[in-house]
Amino acid sequence: MFFLVFQRIAFQLVLDMLYFPLWWYSGGLRRIIIGLFHMLQDANASLAPGLWLRHIFTPMYGQTDFQGRLMSFFMRVVNIIGRLFALVVYMCVLFFLFCLWLIVPVAIIFMISHVVLLQ
């Protein structure tokens, strides 16, 4: 019985090792793209630069005089620029993670082959 179970586990392990690269660049890549897209959507919903842009001419704190409207406009412009900058930085980080997902298996195989060839 032990040999039958061991044979089944070993066969499944070999199949999983052969299937892993295919999964990494097909199903896994699809899942990571969807996950990163959801992370970007969450960051956009959290930072909401479009909402700030939509209300750029709305006076803050109900101050409808000229100075209040002018100060509100410039504060919102600075806020929009800062939020857009944060969103672009976050997008760059997500793109870096995506590239890392693509490169990691190739880098691991290169490192393993480099170590094996040196010894």
C-alpha atoms as a PDB file:
ATOM      1  CA  MET A   1       0.000   0.000   0.000  1.00  0.00           C
ATOM      2  CA  PHE A   2       2.828   2.408   0.889  1.00  0.00           C
ATOM      3  CA  PHE A   3       4.470   1.994  -2.519  1.00  0.00           C
ATOM      4  CA  LEU A   4       1.196   2.642  -4.323  1.00  0.00           C
ATOM      5  CA  VAL A   5       0.624   5.870  -2.387  1.00  0.00           C
ATOM      6  CA  PHE A   6       4.264   6.943  -2.783  1.00  0.00           C
ATOM      7  CA  GLN A   7       4.104   6.260  -6.522  1.00  0.00           C
ATOM      8  CA  ARG A   8       0.920   8.325  -6.843  1.00  0.00           C
ATOM      9  CA  ILE A   9       2.401  11.238  -4.852  1.00  0.00           C
ATOM     10  CA  ALA A  10       5.653  11.168  -6.836  1.00  0.00           C
ATOM     11  CA  PHE A  11       3.761  11.072 -10.142  1.00  0.00           C
ATOM     12  CA  GLN A  12       1.574  13.999  -9.074  1.00  0.00           C
ATOM     13  CA  LEU A  13       4.664  15.943  -7.961  1.00  0.00           C
ATOM     14  CA  VAL A  14       6.302  15.474 -11.367  1.00  0.00           C
ATOM     15  CA  LEU A  15       3.102  16.542 -13.143  1.00  0.00           C
ATOM     16  CA  ASP A  16       2.823  19.636 -10.937  1.00  0.00           C
ATOM     17  CA  MET A  17       6.439  20.567 -11.611  1.00  0.00           C
ATOM     18  CA  LEU A  18       5.873  20.272 -15.356  1.00  0.00           C
ATOM     19  CA  TYR A  19       2.579  22.186 -15.228  1.00  0.00           C
ATOM     20  CA  PHE A  20       3.888  25.029 -13.025  1.00  0.00           C
ATOM     21  CA  PRO A  21       5.531  27.159 -15.777  1.00  0.00           C
ATOM     22  CA  LEU A  22       2.435  26.819 -17.930  1.00  0.00           C
ATOM     23  CA  TRP A  23       0.219  27.934 -15.037  1.00  0.00           C
ATOM     24  CA  TRP A  24       2.600  30.773 -14.072  1.00  0.00           C
ATOM     25  CA  TYR A  25       2.374  32.424 -17.493  1.00  0.00           C
ATOM     26  CA  SER A  26      -1.306  31.655 -18.215  1.00  0.00           C
ATOM     27  CA  GLY A  27      -3.722  31.273 -15.300  1.00  0.00           C
ATOM     28  CA  GLY A  28      -1.410  32.836 -12.731  1.00  0.00           C
ATOM     29  CA  LEU A  29      -0.663  35.783 -15.007  1.00  0.00           C
ATOM     30  CA  ARG A  30      -4.384  36.319 -15.542  1.00  0.00           C
ATOM     31  CA  ARG A  31      -5.004  36.279 -11.793  1.00  0.00           C
ATOM     32  CA  ILE A  32      -2.165  38.709 -11.098  1.00  0.00           C
ATOM     33  CA  ILE A  33      -3.383  41.126 -13.786  1.00  0.00           C
ATOM     34  CA  ILE A  34      -6.899  41.062 -12.339  1.00  0.00           C
ATOM     35  CA  GLY A  35      -5.532  41.529  -8.814  1.00  0.00           C
ATOM     36  CA  LEU A  36      -3.300  44.441  -9.775  1.00  0.00           C
ATOM     37  CA  PHE A  37      -6.174  46.070 -11.676  1.00  0.00           C
ATOM     38  CA  HIS A  38      -8.377  45.797  -8.573  1.00  0.00           C
ATOM     39  CA  MET A  39      -5.604  47.298  -6.468  1.00  0.00           C
ATOM     40  CA  LEU A  40      -5.376  50.221  -8.896  1.00  0.00           C
ATOM     41  CA  GLN A  41      -9.152  50.684  -8.778  1.00  0.00           C
ATOM     42  CA  ASP A  42      -9.053  50.697  -4.962  1.00  0.00           C
ATOM     43  CA  ALA A  43      -6.260  53.282  -4.962  1.00  0.00           C
ATOM     44  CA  ASN A  44      -8.201  55.446  -7.401  1.00  0.00           C
ATOM     45  CA  ALA A  45     -11.325  55.167  -5.252  1.00  0.00           C
ATOM     46  CA  SER A  46      -9.303  56.022  -2.153  1.00  0.00           C
ATOM     47  CA  LEU A  47      -7.432  58.992  -3.600  1.00  0.00           C
ATOM     48  CA  ALA A  48     -10.337  60.163  -5.816  1.00  0.00           C
ATOM     49  CA  PRO A  49      -8.596  62.801  -7.946  1.00  0.00           C
ATOM     50  CA  GLY A  50     -11.624  62.895 -10.259  1.00  0.00           C
ATOM     51  CA  LEU A  51     -13.895  63.862  -7.387  1.00  0.00           C
ATOM     52  CA  TRP A  52     -11.568  66.703  -6.418  1.00  0.00           C
ATOM     53  CA  LEU A  53     -11.441  67.824 -10.034  1.00  0.00           C
ATOM     54  CA  ARG A  54     -15.226  67.768 -10.289  1.00  0.00           C
ATOM     55  CA  HIS A  55     -15.546  70.105  -7.290  1.00  0.00           C
ATOM     56  CA  ILE A  56     -12.633  72.388  -8.140  1.00  0.00           C
ATOM     57  CA  PHE A  57     -14.777  75.547  -8.259  1.00  0.00           C
ATOM     58  CA  THR A  58     -16.885  74.702  -5.185  1.00  0.00           C
ATOM     59  CA  PRO A  59     -15.958  76.966  -2.261  1.00  0.00           C
ATOM     60  CA  MET A  60     -14.601  75.207   0.795  1.00  0.00           C
ATOM     61  CA  TYR A  61     -16.264  75.633   4.185  1.00  0.00           C
ATOM     62  CA  GLY A  62     -19.101  77.641   2.591  1.00  0.00           C
ATOM     63  CA  GLN A  63     -16.979  80.771   2.145  1.00  0.00           C
ATOM     64  CA  THR A  64     -18.475  82.359  -0.936  1.00  0.00           C
ATOM     65  CA  ASP A  65     -16.443  85.564  -0.914  1.00  0.00           C
ATOM     66  CA  PHE A  66     -13.661  86.127  -3.449  1.00  0.00           C
ATOM     67  CA  GLN A  67     -10.793  85.254  -1.091  1.00  0.00           C
ATOM     68  CA  GLY A  68     -12.512  82.050   0.047  1.00  0.00           C
ATOM     69  CA  ARG A  69     -13.174  80.920  -3.532  1.00  0.00           C
ATOM     70  CA  LEU A  70      -9.620  81.765  -4.604  1.00  0.00           C
ATOM     71  CA  MET A  71      -8.072  79.923  -1.661  1.00  0.00           C
ATOM     72  CA  SER A  72     -10.361  76.929  -2.222  1.00  0.00           C
ATOM     73  CA  PHE A  73      -9.409  76.786  -5.907  1.00  0.00           C
ATOM     74  CA  PHE A  74      -5.662  76.780  -5.225  1.00  0.00           C
ATOM     75  CA  MET A  75      -5.949  74.299  -2.367  1.00  0.00           C
ATOM     76  CA  ARG A  76      -7.904  71.934  -4.587  1.00  0.00           C
ATOM     77  CA  VAL A  77      -5.379  72.313  -7.426  1.00  0.00           C
ATOM     78  CA  VAL A  78      -2.526  71.412  -5.054  1.00  0.00           C
ATOM     79  CA  ASN A  79      -4.573  68.525  -3.702  1.00  0.00           C
ATOM     80  CA  ILE A  80      -5.340  67.218  -7.197  1.00  0.00           C
ATOM     81  CA  ILE A  81      -1.685  67.409  -8.225  1.00  0.00           C
ATOM     82  CA  GLY A  82      -0.596  65.575  -5.084  1.00  0.00           C
ATOM     83  CA  ARG A  83      -3.219  62.860  -5.474  1.00  0.00           C
ATOM     84  CA  LEU A  84      -2.422  62.365  -9.159  1.00  0.00           C
ATOM     85  CA  PHE A  85       1.275  62.107  -8.306  1.00  0.00           C
ATOM     86  CA  ALA A  86       0.510  59.498  -5.632  1.00  0.00           C
ATOM     87  CA  LEU A  87      -1.652  57.555  -8.079  1.00  0.00           C
ATOM     88  CA  VAL A  88       1.088  57.585 -10.734  1.00  0.00           C
ATOM     89  CA  VAL A  89       3.683  56.403  -8.198  1.00  0.00           C
ATOM     90  CA  TYR A  90       1.313  53.631  -7.101  1.00  0.00           C
ATOM     91  CA  MET A  91       0.760  52.671 -10.739  1.00  0.00           C
ATOM     92  CA  CYS A  92       4.535  52.474 -11.247  1.00  0.00           C
ATOM     93  CA  VAL A  93       4.855  50.205  -8.213  1.00  0.00           C
ATOM     94  CA  LEU A  94       2.111  47.940  -9.588  1.00  0.00           C
ATOM     95  CA  PHE A  95       3.871  47.828 -12.970  1.00  0.00           C
ATOM     96  CA  PHE A  96       7.119  46.899 -11.194  1.00  0.00           C
ATOM     97  CA  LEU A  97       5.301  44.070  -9.398  1.00  0.00           C
ATOM     98  CA  PHE A  98       3.897  42.858 -12.708  1.00  0.00           C
ATOM     99  CA  CYS A  99       7.374  42.837 -14.274  1.00  0.00           C
ATOM    100  CA  LEU A 100       8.723  41.061 -11.211  1.00  0.00           C
ATOM    101  CA  TRP A 101       6.037  38.376 -11.652  1.00  0.00           C
ATOM    102  CA  LEU A 102       7.212  37.813 -15.224  1.00  0.00           C
ATOM    103  CA  ILE A 103      10.943  37.788 -14.449  1.00  0.00           C
ATOM    104  CA  VAL A 104      11.154  35.739 -11.228  1.00  0.00           C
ATOM    105  CA  PRO A 105      10.913  32.203 -12.736  1.00  0.00           C
ATOM    106  CA  VAL A 106      13.433  33.024 -15.457  1.00  0.00           C
ATOM    107  CA  ALA A 107      15.806  34.531 -12.879  1.00  0.00           C
ATOM    108  CA  ILE A 108      15.497  31.485 -10.614  1.00  0.00           C
ATOM    109  CA  ILE A 109      16.224  29.096 -13.486  1.00  0.00           C
ATOM    110  CA  PHE A 110      19.197  31.244 -14.531  1.00  0.00           C
ATOM    111  CA  MET A 111      20.588  31.268 -10.980  1.00  0.00           C
ATOM    112  CA  ILE A 112      20.145  27.520 -10.554  1.00  0.00           C
ATOM    113  CA  SER A 113      21.813  26.796 -13.897  1.00  0.00           C
ATOM    114  CA  HIS A 114      24.622  29.217 -13.041  1.00  0.00           C
ATOM    115  CA  VAL A 115      25.294  27.448  -9.733  1.00  0.00           C
ATOM    116  CA  VAL A 116      25.111  23.985 -11.320  1.00  0.00           C
ATOM    117  CA  LEU A 117      27.484  24.937 -14.145  1.00  0.00           C
ATOM    118  CA  LEU A 118      30.028  26.435 -11.748  1.00  0.00           C
ATOM    119  CA  GLN A 119      30.202  23.287  -9.657  1.00  0.00           C
END
